[in-house]
Amino acid sequence: MIISQQKPLKDLLRSLKEYNKIFLVGCGECATACKSGGQPEIEKMQRQLEAAGKVITGACIPSAPCVAAKLKTELAKNIKVLVQSEAVLILACGLGVQSFKDNDRLDLAVLPACDTLFGAVMDAQGNFFEKCSMCAECILDSTAGICPITLCPKSLLNGPCGGVNQGKCEVDDQKDCAWVLIYRELDKKKKLALLKEIRKPKDFKKSTRPHKLLLNK
């Protein structure tokens, strides 16, 4: 899940200062879950922009604006008001913004309403936690399902640094050291022998951006 949060209203009004007729686009998945671009947020944004003198021509919430087919379906439904718009404000992550830009045939101004923060898992209480850095070279099989690249501020691959103190991280003494957590989990599973394996430095060529995965050639 991609976590985003809305930009301050003053920043949005600054980016919209040249435009009066605005179309709003939300996200039915991630931005709905983290409350940055679902139906309540779209409605609130409309009220705020109208109070600032903007004209909201319409709005839609594709189930996944980062998926071209789903986005295009919603755009087709709203084409009559889109052609009357000057700008589109996207209440979603940066993927949603760029997906709209890629599929826009009206040459509209496409603007982000949110800042994209991180990829996360959601716990049973609805809280979000970053657990994966999407490094393109996963080592969770040898670290008991705990990612040191993400959970260790130094992204250490072969055990804790010298600053660990009573199992806590030197960067944040309220946080457990990732490698202490890994050790405990491997010990519980009787797999401490995995710690004797020396992991080579990351092959950063694998994480060179931008990535692509071509399934239909």
C-alpha atoms as a PDB file:
ATOM      1  CA  MET A   1       0.000   0.000   0.000  1.00  0.00           C
ATOM      2  CA  ILE A   2       1.304   3.461  -0.935  1.00  0.00           C
ATOM      3  CA  ILE A   3       0.854   6.002   1.853  1.00  0.00           C
ATOM      4  CA  SER A   4       0.200   9.641   1.043  1.00  0.00           C
ATOM      5  CA  GLN A   5      -0.945  12.710   2.922  1.00  0.00           C
ATOM      6  CA  GLN A   6      -2.600  15.853   1.680  1.00  0.00           C
ATOM      7  CA  LYS A   7      -0.562  18.979   1.106  1.00  0.00           C
ATOM      8  CA  PRO A   8      -1.507  22.088   3.122  1.00  0.00           C
ATOM      9  CA  LEU A   9      -4.403  23.983   1.566  1.00  0.00           C
ATOM     10  CA  LYS A  10      -2.285  27.125   1.145  1.00  0.00           C
ATOM     11  CA  ASP A  11       0.175  25.162  -0.991  1.00  0.00           C
ATOM     12  CA  LEU A  12      -2.634  23.776  -3.132  1.00  0.00           C
ATOM     13  CA  LEU A  13      -4.122  27.214  -3.671  1.00  0.00           C
ATOM     14  CA  ARG A  14      -0.695  28.449  -4.719  1.00  0.00           C
ATOM     15  CA  SER A  15      -0.370  25.711  -7.331  1.00  0.00           C
ATOM     16  CA  LEU A  16      -3.926  26.378  -8.526  1.00  0.00           C
ATOM     17  CA  LYS A  17      -3.642  30.163  -8.688  1.00  0.00           C
ATOM     18  CA  GLU A  18      -3.631  30.223 -12.513  1.00  0.00           C
ATOM     19  CA  TYR A  19      -6.671  27.957 -12.802  1.00  0.00           C
ATOM     20  CA  ASN A  20     -10.313  28.455 -11.922  1.00  0.00           C
ATOM     21  CA  LYS A  21     -12.145  25.369 -13.217  1.00  0.00           C
ATOM     22  CA  ILE A  22     -10.886  22.304 -11.363  1.00  0.00           C
ATOM     23  CA  PHE A  23     -11.698  18.594 -11.709  1.00  0.00           C
ATOM     24  CA  LEU A  24     -10.930  16.366  -8.711  1.00  0.00           C
ATOM     25  CA  VAL A  25      -9.654  12.789  -8.880  1.00  0.00           C
ATOM     26  CA  GLY A  26      -9.372  10.511  -5.846  1.00  0.00           C
ATOM     27  CA  CYS A  27      -8.242   6.928  -5.330  1.00  0.00           C
ATOM     28  CA  GLY A  28     -10.415   4.020  -4.245  1.00  0.00           C
ATOM     29  CA  GLU A  29      -7.561   1.995  -2.830  1.00  0.00           C
ATOM     30  CA  CYS A  30      -4.492   3.332  -1.020  1.00  0.00           C
ATOM     31  CA  ALA A  31      -5.522   6.988  -0.682  1.00  0.00           C
ATOM     32  CA  THR A  32      -8.966   5.939   0.545  1.00  0.00           C
ATOM     33  CA  ALA A  33      -7.381   3.658   3.147  1.00  0.00           C
ATOM     34  CA  CYS A  34      -5.002   6.318   4.491  1.00  0.00           C
ATOM     35  CA  LYS A  35      -7.662   9.039   4.264  1.00  0.00           C
ATOM     36  CA  SER A  36      -5.918  11.297   1.787  1.00  0.00           C
ATOM     37  CA  GLY A  37      -8.116  10.779  -1.276  1.00  0.00           C
ATOM     38  CA  GLY A  38     -11.348   8.925  -0.591  1.00  0.00           C
ATOM     39  CA  GLN A  39     -14.927  10.181  -0.859  1.00  0.00           C
ATOM     40  CA  PRO A  40     -14.870  12.243   2.384  1.00  0.00           C
ATOM     41  CA  GLU A  41     -11.601  13.889   1.357  1.00  0.00           C
ATOM     42  CA  ILE A  42     -12.895  14.676  -2.138  1.00  0.00           C
ATOM     43  CA  GLU A  43     -16.012  16.298  -0.659  1.00  0.00           C
ATOM     44  CA  LYS A  44     -13.989  18.311   1.845  1.00  0.00           C
ATOM     45  CA  MET A  45     -11.567  19.450  -0.851  1.00  0.00           C
ATOM     46  CA  GLN A  46     -14.475  20.588  -3.000  1.00  0.00           C
ATOM     47  CA  ARG A  47     -15.883  22.678  -0.145  1.00  0.00           C
ATOM     48  CA  GLN A  48     -12.484  24.227   0.594  1.00  0.00           C
ATOM     49  CA  LEU A  49     -11.739  25.114  -3.015  1.00  0.00           C
ATOM     50  CA  GLU A  50     -15.203  26.507  -3.624  1.00  0.00           C
ATOM     51  CA  ALA A  51     -14.822  28.647  -0.510  1.00  0.00           C
ATOM     52  CA  ALA A  52     -11.611  29.953  -2.085  1.00  0.00           C
ATOM     53  CA  GLY A  53     -13.481  30.939  -5.244  1.00  0.00           C
ATOM     54  CA  LYS A  54     -12.686  27.936  -7.433  1.00  0.00           C
ATOM     55  CA  VAL A  55     -15.237  26.179  -9.631  1.00  0.00           C
ATOM     56  CA  ILE A  56     -15.285  22.396  -9.227  1.00  0.00           C
ATOM     57  CA  THR A  57     -16.399  20.979 -12.560  1.00  0.00           C
ATOM     58  CA  GLY A  58     -16.681  17.425 -11.275  1.00  0.00           C
ATOM     59  CA  ALA A  59     -14.951  14.582  -9.476  1.00  0.00           C
ATOM     60  CA  CYS A  60     -14.337  10.864  -9.728  1.00  0.00           C
ATOM     61  CA  ILE A  61     -12.687   8.168  -7.658  1.00  0.00           C
ATOM     62  CA  PRO A  62     -11.197   5.407  -9.835  1.00  0.00           C
ATOM     63  CA  SER A  63     -10.736   2.187  -7.905  1.00  0.00           C
ATOM     64  CA  ALA A  64      -7.046   2.400  -8.809  1.00  0.00           C
ATOM     65  CA  PRO A  65      -5.946   5.525 -10.725  1.00  0.00           C
ATOM     66  CA  CYS A  66      -2.484   4.013 -11.206  1.00  0.00           C
ATOM     67  CA  VAL A  67      -4.065   1.352 -13.462  1.00  0.00           C
ATOM     68  CA  ALA A  68      -4.665   2.874 -16.890  1.00  0.00           C
ATOM     69  CA  ALA A  69      -7.738   0.803 -17.743  1.00  0.00           C
ATOM     70  CA  LYS A  70      -9.544   1.738 -14.534  1.00  0.00           C
ATOM     71  CA  LEU A  71      -8.590   5.394 -14.853  1.00  0.00           C
ATOM     72  CA  LYS A  72      -9.684   5.610 -18.488  1.00  0.00           C
ATOM     73  CA  THR A  73     -13.099   4.179 -17.610  1.00  0.00           C
ATOM     74  CA  GLU A  74     -13.706   7.003 -15.150  1.00  0.00           C
ATOM     75  CA  LEU A  75     -12.348   9.645 -17.505  1.00  0.00           C
ATOM     76  CA  ALA A  76     -14.706   8.484 -20.245  1.00  0.00           C
ATOM     77  CA  LYS A  77     -17.669   8.824 -17.884  1.00  0.00           C
ATOM     78  CA  ASN A  78     -16.647  12.391 -17.071  1.00  0.00           C
ATOM     79  CA  ILE A  79     -15.438  13.616 -20.458  1.00  0.00           C
ATOM     80  CA  LYS A  80     -18.140  16.318 -20.743  1.00  0.00           C
ATOM     81  CA  VAL A  81     -16.958  18.101 -17.615  1.00  0.00           C
ATOM     82  CA  LEU A  82     -13.296  17.358 -18.211  1.00  0.00           C
ATOM     83  CA  VAL A  83     -13.334  19.312 -21.462  1.00  0.00           C
ATOM     84  CA  GLN A  84     -14.651  22.276 -19.492  1.00  0.00           C
ATOM     85  CA  SER A  85     -11.854  22.037 -16.918  1.00  0.00           C
ATOM     86  CA  GLU A  86      -8.544  23.861 -16.806  1.00  0.00           C
ATOM     87  CA  ALA A  87      -6.762  21.688 -14.265  1.00  0.00           C
ATOM     88  CA  VAL A  88      -7.076  18.321 -12.558  1.00  0.00           C
ATOM     89  CA  LEU A  89      -6.181  17.968  -8.893  1.00  0.00           C
ATOM     90  CA  ILE A  90      -5.205  14.393  -7.986  1.00  0.00           C
ATOM     91  CA  LEU A  91      -5.865  13.225  -4.426  1.00  0.00           C
ATOM     92  CA  ALA A  92      -3.633  10.164  -4.671  1.00  0.00           C
ATOM     93  CA  CYS A  93       0.017   9.195  -4.632  1.00  0.00           C
ATOM     94  CA  GLY A  94       2.505  10.284  -7.269  1.00  0.00           C
ATOM     95  CA  LEU A  95       1.698   7.158  -9.277  1.00  0.00           C
ATOM     96  CA  GLY A  96      -1.887   8.329  -9.664  1.00  0.00           C
ATOM     97  CA  VAL A  97      -0.744  11.777 -10.757  1.00  0.00           C
ATOM     98  CA  GLN A  98       1.604  10.421 -13.400  1.00  0.00           C
ATOM     99  CA  SER A  99      -0.903   7.832 -14.578  1.00  0.00           C
ATOM    100  CA  PHE A 100      -3.393  10.629 -15.235  1.00  0.00           C
ATOM    101  CA  LYS A 101      -0.725  12.624 -17.054  1.00  0.00           C
ATOM    102  CA  ASP A 102       0.119   9.636 -19.244  1.00  0.00           C
ATOM    103  CA  ASN A 103      -3.537   9.087 -20.152  1.00  0.00           C
ATOM    104  CA  ASP A 104      -4.656  12.712 -20.488  1.00  0.00           C
ATOM    105  CA  ARG A 105      -5.660  13.569 -24.059  1.00  0.00           C
ATOM    106  CA  LEU A 106      -6.946  17.064 -23.238  1.00  0.00           C
ATOM    107  CA  ASP A 107      -3.594  18.582 -22.253  1.00  0.00           C
ATOM    108  CA  LEU A 108      -4.928  19.673 -18.865  1.00  0.00           C
ATOM    109  CA  ALA A 109      -2.769  20.923 -16.024  1.00  0.00           C
ATOM    110  CA  VAL A 110      -2.307  17.879 -13.763  1.00  0.00           C
ATOM    111  CA  LEU A 111      -1.456  18.750 -10.165  1.00  0.00           C
ATOM    112  CA  PRO A 112      -0.809  16.681  -7.017  1.00  0.00           C
ATOM    113  CA  ALA A 113      -2.915  17.269  -3.918  1.00  0.00           C
ATOM    114  CA  CYS A 114      -0.834  14.862  -1.842  1.00  0.00           C
ATOM    115  CA  ASP A 115       2.723  14.064  -0.871  1.00  0.00           C
ATOM    116  CA  THR A 116       3.720  10.415  -1.300  1.00  0.00           C
ATOM    117  CA  LEU A 117       5.351   9.084   1.868  1.00  0.00           C
ATOM    118  CA  PHE A 118       6.139   5.348   1.768  1.00  0.00           C
ATOM    119  CA  GLY A 119       4.982   1.830   1.020  1.00  0.00           C
ATOM    120  CA  ALA A 120       3.410   0.242   4.077  1.00  0.00           C
ATOM    121  CA  VAL A 121       1.540  -2.602   5.683  1.00  0.00           C
ATOM    122  CA  MET A 122      -1.628  -1.873   7.660  1.00  0.00           C
ATOM    123  CA  ASP A 123      -2.203  -3.456  11.058  1.00  0.00           C
ATOM    124  CA  ALA A 124      -5.525  -4.590  12.500  1.00  0.00           C
ATOM    125  CA  GLN A 125      -6.099  -1.153  14.059  1.00  0.00           C
ATOM    126  CA  GLY A 126      -5.676   0.635  10.729  1.00  0.00           C
ATOM    127  CA  ASN A 127      -2.190   2.022  11.402  1.00  0.00           C
ATOM    128  CA  PHE A 128       0.465   2.092   8.678  1.00  0.00           C
ATOM    129  CA  PHE A 129       4.065   0.938   9.013  1.00  0.00           C
ATOM    130  CA  GLU A 130       6.860   1.050   6.454  1.00  0.00           C
ATOM    131  CA  LYS A 131       8.311  -2.451   6.195  1.00  0.00           C
ATOM    132  CA  CYS A 132       9.833  -2.694   2.702  1.00  0.00           C
ATOM    133  CA  SER A 133      12.247  -0.447   0.779  1.00  0.00           C
ATOM    134  CA  MET A 134      11.554  -2.174  -2.539  1.00  0.00           C
ATOM    135  CA  CYS A 135      15.283  -2.689  -3.024  1.00  0.00           C
ATOM    136  CA  ALA A 136      14.882  -5.321  -5.785  1.00  0.00           C
ATOM    137  CA  GLU A 137      17.045  -7.840  -3.905  1.00  0.00           C
ATOM    138  CA  CYS A 138      14.996  -9.341  -1.072  1.00  0.00           C
ATOM    139  CA  ILE A 139      16.828 -11.060   1.806  1.00  0.00           C
ATOM    140  CA  LEU A 140      13.833 -11.794   4.045  1.00  0.00           C
ATOM    141  CA  ASP A 141      14.464 -15.529   3.679  1.00  0.00           C
ATOM    142  CA  SER A 142      17.655 -15.197   5.722  1.00  0.00           C
ATOM    143  CA  THR A 143      16.504 -12.497   8.168  1.00  0.00           C
ATOM    144  CA  ALA A 144      13.397 -14.220   9.541  1.00  0.00           C
ATOM    145  CA  GLY A 145      11.024 -12.037   7.554  1.00  0.00           C
ATOM    146  CA  ILE A 146      12.367  -8.818   9.120  1.00  0.00           C
ATOM    147  CA  CYS A 147      13.854  -6.292   6.698  1.00  0.00           C
ATOM    148  CA  PRO A 148      17.057  -4.643   7.950  1.00  0.00           C
ATOM    149  CA  ILE A 149      17.244  -2.457   4.849  1.00  0.00           C
ATOM    150  CA  THR A 150      14.089  -0.679   5.990  1.00  0.00           C
ATOM    151  CA  LEU A 151      14.000  -1.124   9.760  1.00  0.00           C
ATOM    152  CA  CYS A 152      17.663  -0.308  10.376  1.00  0.00           C
ATOM    153  CA  PRO A 153      18.401   3.415   9.782  1.00  0.00           C
ATOM    154  CA  LYS A 154      21.807   2.391   8.396  1.00  0.00           C
ATOM    155  CA  SER A 155      20.397  -0.491   6.304  1.00  0.00           C
ATOM    156  CA  LEU A 156      23.078  -2.815   7.668  1.00  0.00           C
ATOM    157  CA  LEU A 157      23.281  -6.261   6.090  1.00  0.00           C
ATOM    158  CA  ASN A 158      25.448  -8.199   8.556  1.00  0.00           C
ATOM    159  CA  GLY A 159      24.386  -7.490  12.089  1.00  0.00           C
ATOM    160  CA  PRO A 160      23.978  -4.470  14.343  1.00  0.00           C
ATOM    161  CA  CYS A 161      26.247  -1.444  14.519  1.00  0.00           C
ATOM    162  CA  GLY A 162      28.322  -0.547  17.555  1.00  0.00           C
ATOM    163  CA  GLY A 163      25.705   1.900  18.764  1.00  0.00           C
ATOM    164  CA  VAL A 164      23.075  -0.641  19.760  1.00  0.00           C
ATOM    165  CA  ASN A 165      22.339  -0.249  23.500  1.00  0.00           C
ATOM    166  CA  GLN A 166      20.334  -2.790  25.475  1.00  0.00           C
ATOM    167  CA  GLY A 167      18.628  -3.906  22.292  1.00  0.00           C
ATOM    168  CA  LYS A 168      17.660  -0.385  21.234  1.00  0.00           C
ATOM    169  CA  CYS A 169      18.685   1.578  18.155  1.00  0.00           C
ATOM    170  CA  GLU A 170      21.182   4.404  18.648  1.00  0.00           C
ATOM    171  CA  VAL A 171      19.235   6.600  16.231  1.00  0.00           C
ATOM    172  CA  ASP A 172      15.985   6.152  18.194  1.00  0.00           C
ATOM    173  CA  ASP A 173      16.323   4.684  21.670  1.00  0.00           C
ATOM    174  CA  GLN A 174      12.587   3.950  21.754  1.00  0.00           C
ATOM    175  CA  LYS A 175      12.948   1.589  18.825  1.00  0.00           C
ATOM    176  CA  ASP A 176      14.208  -1.998  18.916  1.00  0.00           C
ATOM    177  CA  CYS A 177      17.362  -2.654  16.909  1.00  0.00           C
ATOM    178  CA  ALA A 178      16.346  -4.473  13.734  1.00  0.00           C
ATOM    179  CA  TRP A 179      19.196  -6.938  14.081  1.00  0.00           C
ATOM    180  CA  VAL A 180      18.301  -7.744  17.668  1.00  0.00           C
ATOM    181  CA  LEU A 181      14.787  -8.536  16.438  1.00  0.00           C
ATOM    182  CA  ILE A 182      16.252 -10.698  13.677  1.00  0.00           C
ATOM    183  CA  TYR A 183      18.486 -12.542  16.152  1.00  0.00           C
ATOM    184  CA  ARG A 184      15.584 -13.262  18.498  1.00  0.00           C
ATOM    185  CA  GLU A 185      13.377 -14.516  15.691  1.00  0.00           C
ATOM    186  CA  LEU A 186      16.093 -16.750  14.226  1.00  0.00           C
ATOM    187  CA  ASP A 187      16.885 -18.081  17.681  1.00  0.00           C
ATOM    188  CA  LYS A 188      13.222 -18.923  18.235  1.00  0.00           C
ATOM    189  CA  LYS A 189      13.172 -20.806  14.946  1.00  0.00           C
ATOM    190  CA  LYS A 190      16.532 -22.479  15.652  1.00  0.00           C
ATOM    191  CA  LYS A 191      18.097 -20.914  12.579  1.00  0.00           C
ATOM    192  CA  LEU A 192      20.906 -18.857  14.114  1.00  0.00           C
ATOM    193  CA  ALA A 193      23.312 -20.512  11.690  1.00  0.00           C
ATOM    194  CA  LEU A 194      21.992 -18.126   9.066  1.00  0.00           C
ATOM    195  CA  LEU A 195      23.777 -15.298  10.873  1.00  0.00           C
ATOM    196  CA  LYS A 196      27.129 -16.870  10.010  1.00  0.00           C
ATOM    197  CA  GLU A 197      26.508 -16.264   6.325  1.00  0.00           C
ATOM    198  CA  ILE A 198      28.151 -13.062   5.108  1.00  0.00           C
ATOM    199  CA  ARG A 199      25.862 -11.107   2.838  1.00  0.00           C
ATOM    200  CA  LYS A 200      27.566  -9.301  -0.005  1.00  0.00           C
ATOM    201  CA  PRO A 201      26.951  -5.594  -0.586  1.00  0.00           C
ATOM    202  CA  LYS A 202      23.717  -4.797  -2.366  1.00  0.00           C
ATOM    203  CA  ASP A 203      23.758  -4.829  -6.152  1.00  0.00           C
ATOM    204  CA  PHE A 204      22.452  -1.307  -6.569  1.00  0.00           C
ATOM    205  CA  LYS A 205      22.118  -1.801 -10.325  1.00  0.00           C
ATOM    206  CA  LYS A 206      19.002  -3.813  -9.526  1.00  0.00           C
ATOM    207  CA  SER A 207      17.396  -0.792  -7.873  1.00  0.00           C
ATOM    208  CA  THR A 208      18.354   1.719 -10.565  1.00  0.00           C
ATOM    209  CA  ARG A 209      15.328   3.852 -11.376  1.00  0.00           C
ATOM    210  CA  PRO A 210      13.010   3.904 -13.182  1.00  0.00           C
ATOM    211  CA  HIS A 211      12.066   0.230 -13.014  1.00  0.00           C
ATOM    212  CA  LYS A 212       9.844  -1.510 -15.509  1.00  0.00           C
ATOM    213  CA  LEU A 213       8.306  -4.961 -15.825  1.00  0.00           C
ATOM    214  CA  LEU A 214       7.077  -5.852 -19.302  1.00  0.00           C
ATOM    215  CA  LEU A 215       4.511  -8.636 -19.208  1.00  0.00           C
ATOM    216  CA  ASN A 216       2.918  -7.964 -22.587  1.00  0.00           C
ATOM    217  CA  LYS A 217       5.529  -7.550 -25.312  1.00  0.00           C
END
